[in-house]
């Protein structure tokens, strides 16, 4: 089972430092996400912007 993180923990991580604004806008407070889920959410958003 993958570790799950809060929006705040993800925003503070080195891995997602370039995407902090997207994370703030796309993720919900109080929900726990895996890194894979976060990457998928960001990818879907970016595909929609093209």
C-alpha atoms as a PDB file:
ATOM      1  CA  UNK A   1       0.000   0.000   0.000  1.00  0.00           C
ATOM      2  CA  UNK A   2       1.355   3.401  -0.995  1.00  0.00           C
ATOM      3  CA  UNK A   3       1.835   6.149   1.537  1.00  0.00           C
ATOM      4  CA  UNK A   4      -0.772   8.878   1.387  1.00  0.00           C
ATOM      5  CA  UNK A   5      -0.077  12.552   1.997  1.00  0.00           C
ATOM      6  CA  UNK A   6      -2.085  15.673   2.729  1.00  0.00           C
ATOM      7  CA  UNK A   7      -2.211  18.595   0.324  1.00  0.00           C
ATOM      8  CA  UNK A   8       0.085  20.552   2.656  1.00  0.00           C
ATOM      9  CA  UNK A   9       2.668  17.743   2.812  1.00  0.00           C
ATOM     10  CA  UNK A  10       2.657  17.438  -0.978  1.00  0.00           C
ATOM     11  CA  UNK A  11       3.098  21.195  -1.440  1.00  0.00           C
ATOM     12  CA  UNK A  12       6.122  21.109   0.871  1.00  0.00           C
ATOM     13  CA  UNK A  13       7.780  18.165  -0.872  1.00  0.00           C
ATOM     14  CA  UNK A  14      10.832  18.655  -3.049  1.00  0.00           C
ATOM     15  CA  UNK A  15       9.317  16.430  -5.771  1.00  0.00           C
ATOM     16  CA  UNK A  16       6.391  18.793  -6.388  1.00  0.00           C
ATOM     17  CA  UNK A  17       8.042  22.160  -5.761  1.00  0.00           C
ATOM     18  CA  UNK A  18       7.541  23.253  -9.396  1.00  0.00           C
ATOM     19  CA  UNK A  19       3.833  22.465  -9.200  1.00  0.00           C
ATOM     20  CA  UNK A  20       2.929  24.126  -5.912  1.00  0.00           C
ATOM     21  CA  UNK A  21       0.460  26.538  -7.499  1.00  0.00           C
ATOM     22  CA  UNK A  22      -1.278  23.700  -9.349  1.00  0.00           C
ATOM     23  CA  UNK A  23      -1.386  21.595  -6.211  1.00  0.00           C
ATOM     24  CA  UNK A  24      -2.938  24.475  -4.299  1.00  0.00           C
ATOM     25  CA  UNK A  25      -5.616  24.861  -6.966  1.00  0.00           C
ATOM     26  CA  UNK A  26      -6.314  21.218  -7.812  1.00  0.00           C
ATOM     27  CA  UNK A  27      -6.058  19.279  -4.546  1.00  0.00           C
ATOM     28  CA  UNK A  28      -8.596  19.433  -1.750  1.00  0.00           C
ATOM     29  CA  UNK A  29      -7.858  20.050   1.914  1.00  0.00           C
ATOM     30  CA  UNK A  30      -8.528  17.108   4.210  1.00  0.00           C
ATOM     31  CA  UNK A  31      -7.989  14.495   1.479  1.00  0.00           C
ATOM     32  CA  UNK A  32      -4.977  12.177   1.426  1.00  0.00           C
ATOM     33  CA  UNK A  33      -3.287  11.461  -1.929  1.00  0.00           C
ATOM     34  CA  UNK A  34      -0.603   9.094  -3.175  1.00  0.00           C
ATOM     35  CA  UNK A  35       2.150  10.593  -5.314  1.00  0.00           C
ATOM     36  CA  UNK A  36       0.746   8.653  -8.272  1.00  0.00           C
ATOM     37  CA  UNK A  37      -2.670  10.223  -7.806  1.00  0.00           C
ATOM     38  CA  UNK A  38      -1.134  13.702  -7.641  1.00  0.00           C
ATOM     39  CA  UNK A  39       0.853  13.115 -10.822  1.00  0.00           C
ATOM     40  CA  UNK A  40      -2.303  11.872 -12.568  1.00  0.00           C
ATOM     41  CA  UNK A  41      -4.335  14.908 -11.449  1.00  0.00           C
ATOM     42  CA  UNK A  42      -1.626  17.287 -12.684  1.00  0.00           C
ATOM     43  CA  UNK A  43      -1.286  15.398 -15.978  1.00  0.00           C
ATOM     44  CA  UNK A  44      -5.040  15.456 -16.656  1.00  0.00           C
ATOM     45  CA  UNK A  45      -5.133  19.178 -15.938  1.00  0.00           C
ATOM     46  CA  UNK A  46      -2.202  19.871 -18.260  1.00  0.00           C
ATOM     47  CA  UNK A  47      -3.768  17.823 -21.068  1.00  0.00           C
ATOM     48  CA  UNK A  48      -6.929  19.901 -20.743  1.00  0.00           C
ATOM     49  CA  UNK A  49      -4.953  23.134 -21.060  1.00  0.00           C
ATOM     50  CA  UNK A  50      -3.334  22.233 -24.379  1.00  0.00           C
END
